[in-house]
Each structure stands twice: as C-alpha cells, then as structure tokens.
Amino acid sequence: MAIIRFGDRPFFRSPWSEFERMRRDMDALLQYWGGEGGRGEAMVYPLLNIFEDKDSIYVYGEVPGVLPENLDVSVEGETLIIKGERKPWQAGEDVSFHRREIQSGTFSRAVTLPTKVNTDRVEARVVDGILSVTLAKAEEVKPRQVEIKIG
C-alpha cells in the first residue's frame, strides 16, 4: 500500500472530472468508428441539396451506382423519405483488393420539408447518378397577390 503524505495530495479535484474524461473517450471512440475518415458507416447518405421557389421544392441527391429501380421515394405528411440499395460490386475470384471504399447495402434518409406539398404532384428521376425530386407546394402555402382597391 502506498503512503501519501497529507501535503502530497492534490489541492482540489472536481467530482465531474471523471465524467468529462469518459465523455472525451466516448467522443474519440465514436469519431474513430463512425466519423469522418473513420472505418465505420458513411456520414449521411445520400447527400442532399434542398431549395425552393414560389411554386415548388426541389431536392437533389447524390446516388452514384444506384439503379433507378433500386430507389424508393415517398412523401408522408411533410417528410420526404428516400430509400434504396446499392448492390455490391462483384469482382472475380482471383482478385485481391488494395482498397475497398465504395460502400454497398441499403440506405434510408428522411427529411422534413419546409412547407406542405401536394403529394399528387411529386416527380422523381435519376440522371448521371443525381436523383432530382420536384415537389409542388400545396395551394394553401403558396403566396397570393391581393389586389388593393381604392376608395
């Protein structure tokens, strides 16, 4: 058993310091397995650009290597849901990989839309690995011009 003299003790130790150490360790672990540059899953897939004009909301997403028949786009309320599957690349039996960074498997992403949309007027297409979805805004959220009468 070690003998610690009274004068050798630390002056003050915060009761929260152990929790802070555990939080830092968990952050490092999660960054290693799932963060940028980690060996885990991709950050968020597919990456999206979402913008709007007075009539529609436009969503563009990167889905390289995903066939249109393996994509499912749906709208539930004010949520756009994109599901799909990227099939694994089949290599020959005598192949040895030096790197294997292109991920395969199923994915799903749900995004809350900024306004209500008309679910009967949703168009989606894939061109050169870019998914483009056009969602018409609901009539009640479109801006209206009000005529001002004089007199």
Protein backbone atom coordinates (compact mmCIF):
# COMPACT_ATOMS: atom_id res chain seq x y z
CA MET A 1 0.00 0.00 0.00
CA ALA A 2 1.33 3.42 -0.97
CA ILE A 3 1.64 6.03 1.72
CA ILE A 4 0.59 9.51 0.67
CA ARG A 5 1.55 12.39 2.85
CA PHE A 6 -1.07 14.99 3.51
CA GLY A 7 0.93 17.67 1.70
CA ASP A 8 1.28 15.50 -1.48
CA ARG A 9 -2.46 15.27 -2.11
CA PRO A 10 -3.91 17.26 -4.99
CA PHE A 11 -5.29 20.59 -3.84
CA PHE A 12 -8.79 20.15 -5.36
CA ARG A 13 -10.25 17.56 -7.69
CA SER A 14 -13.56 18.22 -9.36
CA PRO A 15 -16.15 15.48 -8.86
CA TRP A 16 -17.10 15.92 -12.54
CA SER A 17 -13.62 15.38 -13.97
CA GLU A 18 -14.12 11.62 -14.31
CA PHE A 19 -17.33 12.17 -16.29
CA GLU A 20 -15.53 14.63 -18.56
CA ARG A 21 -12.76 12.08 -19.17
CA MET A 22 -15.34 9.41 -20.07
CA ARG A 23 -17.11 11.85 -22.44
CA ARG A 24 -13.83 12.62 -24.24
CA ASP A 25 -13.08 8.90 -24.56
CA MET A 26 -16.57 8.20 -25.97
CA ASP A 27 -16.23 11.09 -28.45
CA ALA A 28 -12.90 9.69 -29.63
CA LEU A 29 -14.36 6.20 -29.96
CA LEU A 30 -17.40 7.38 -31.93
CA GLN A 31 -15.26 9.54 -34.18
CA TYR A 32 -12.98 6.58 -34.90
CA TRP A 33 -15.80 4.18 -35.80
CA GLY A 34 -18.36 6.45 -37.39
CA GLY A 35 -16.98 9.90 -38.02
CA GLU A 36 -15.24 11.45 -40.98
CA GLY A 37 -12.32 9.34 -42.06
CA GLY A 38 -13.38 6.54 -39.76
CA ARG A 39 -13.76 2.93 -40.68
CA GLY A 40 -17.49 2.80 -39.97
CA GLU A 41 -20.54 3.84 -41.92
CA ALA A 42 -20.73 6.90 -44.15
CA MET A 43 -21.78 10.18 -42.57
CA VAL A 44 -25.26 10.74 -44.03
CA TYR A 45 -26.31 9.23 -47.31
CA PRO A 46 -27.44 10.38 -49.77
CA LEU A 47 -26.08 13.90 -49.61
CA LEU A 48 -28.86 16.36 -50.48
CA ASN A 49 -29.38 19.92 -51.71
CA ILE A 50 -32.87 21.27 -50.94
CA PHE A 51 -34.18 24.62 -52.19
CA GLU A 52 -37.47 26.20 -53.20
CA ASP A 53 -39.13 28.83 -55.31
CA LYS A 54 -42.68 30.18 -55.07
CA ASP A 55 -44.28 27.06 -56.60
CA SER A 56 -42.09 24.06 -55.77
CA ILE A 57 -39.47 22.46 -53.54
CA TYR A 58 -36.50 20.86 -55.27
CA VAL A 59 -34.36 18.08 -53.84
CA TYR A 60 -31.14 16.90 -55.48
CA GLY A 61 -29.27 13.92 -54.08
CA GLU A 62 -26.12 12.04 -54.99
CA VAL A 63 -26.84 8.36 -55.65
CA PRO A 64 -23.97 7.12 -57.85
CA GLY A 65 -24.11 3.44 -58.65
CA VAL A 66 -27.75 3.10 -57.56
CA LEU A 67 -30.12 1.94 -60.27
CA PRO A 68 -33.49 3.78 -60.52
CA GLU A 69 -35.37 0.53 -59.88
CA ASN A 70 -33.50 0.19 -56.55
CA LEU A 71 -34.73 3.61 -55.32
CA ASP A 72 -37.96 4.37 -53.47
CA VAL A 73 -39.07 7.98 -52.99
CA SER A 74 -42.16 8.71 -50.89
CA VAL A 75 -43.78 11.63 -49.10
CA GLU A 76 -45.59 11.16 -45.81
CA GLY A 77 -47.10 14.37 -44.49
CA GLU A 78 -44.26 16.90 -44.54
CA THR A 79 -41.49 14.27 -44.66
CA LEU A 80 -39.62 13.15 -47.77
CA ILE A 81 -38.28 9.59 -47.48
CA ILE A 82 -35.58 8.26 -49.81
CA LYS A 83 -34.75 4.55 -49.58
CA GLY A 84 -32.54 2.49 -51.81
CA GLU A 85 -29.91 -0.13 -52.24
CA ARG A 86 -26.50 -0.07 -53.85
CA LYS A 87 -25.58 -3.57 -54.96
CA PRO A 88 -22.06 -4.72 -54.14
CA TRP A 89 -19.59 -4.75 -56.98
CA GLN A 90 -18.83 -8.31 -57.99
CA ALA A 91 -15.14 -9.00 -58.53
CA GLY A 92 -13.61 -12.15 -59.89
CA GLU A 93 -12.40 -14.92 -57.59
CA ASP A 94 -8.70 -14.24 -58.24
CA VAL A 95 -8.96 -10.55 -57.28
CA SER A 96 -7.19 -9.03 -54.30
CA PHE A 97 -8.42 -5.60 -53.22
CA HIS A 98 -5.94 -2.88 -52.26
CA ARG A 99 -8.75 -0.52 -51.19
CA ARG A 100 -12.47 -1.05 -50.83
CA GLU A 101 -14.04 2.32 -50.01
CA ILE A 102 -17.23 2.29 -52.08
CA GLN A 103 -19.92 1.14 -49.71
CA SER A 104 -22.81 -1.09 -50.66
CA GLY A 105 -26.04 -2.06 -48.97
CA THR A 106 -29.35 -0.44 -48.15
CA PHE A 107 -29.85 3.15 -47.07
CA SER A 108 -32.70 5.35 -45.92
CA ARG A 109 -32.96 9.08 -45.32
CA ALA A 110 -35.94 11.09 -44.08
CA VAL A 111 -36.02 14.87 -44.41
CA THR A 112 -38.63 17.25 -43.04
CA LEU A 113 -39.79 19.57 -45.81
CA PRO A 114 -40.02 23.33 -45.14
CA THR A 115 -43.69 23.58 -46.21
CA LYS A 116 -46.66 21.39 -47.05
CA VAL A 117 -46.60 19.82 -50.50
CA ASN A 118 -49.17 18.42 -52.90
CA THR A 119 -48.42 14.67 -52.73
CA ASP A 120 -50.20 14.11 -56.06
CA ARG A 121 -47.64 16.27 -57.86
CA VAL A 122 -44.28 14.74 -56.97
CA GLU A 123 -41.80 13.91 -59.73
CA ALA A 124 -38.53 11.99 -59.31
CA ARG A 125 -35.85 10.95 -61.78
CA VAL A 126 -32.22 9.86 -61.84
CA VAL A 127 -29.75 11.22 -64.39
CA ASP A 128 -26.00 10.51 -64.19
CA GLY A 129 -26.17 9.43 -60.54
CA ILE A 130 -28.14 12.51 -59.41
CA LEU A 131 -31.64 11.99 -58.01
CA SER A 132 -33.85 15.03 -58.64
CA VAL A 133 -37.21 15.30 -56.89
CA THR A 134 -39.66 18.12 -57.61
CA LEU A 135 -42.45 18.61 -55.09
CA ALA A 136 -45.26 21.06 -55.88
CA LYS A 137 -46.22 23.21 -52.91
CA ALA A 138 -49.75 22.91 -51.55
CA GLU A 139 -52.06 25.68 -52.72
CA GLU A 140 -52.66 26.98 -49.18
CA VAL A 141 -48.96 27.79 -48.65
CA LYS A 142 -48.31 29.50 -51.99
CA PRO A 143 -48.08 33.28 -51.80
CA ARG A 144 -51.12 35.13 -53.14
CA GLN A 145 -51.24 38.59 -54.63
CA VAL A 146 -54.02 40.66 -53.10
CA GLU A 147 -55.49 43.48 -55.16
CA ILE A 148 -55.85 46.75 -53.32
CA LYS A 149 -58.98 48.70 -54.20
CA ILE A 150 -59.01 52.46 -53.97
CA GLY A 151 -62.00 54.21 -52.41
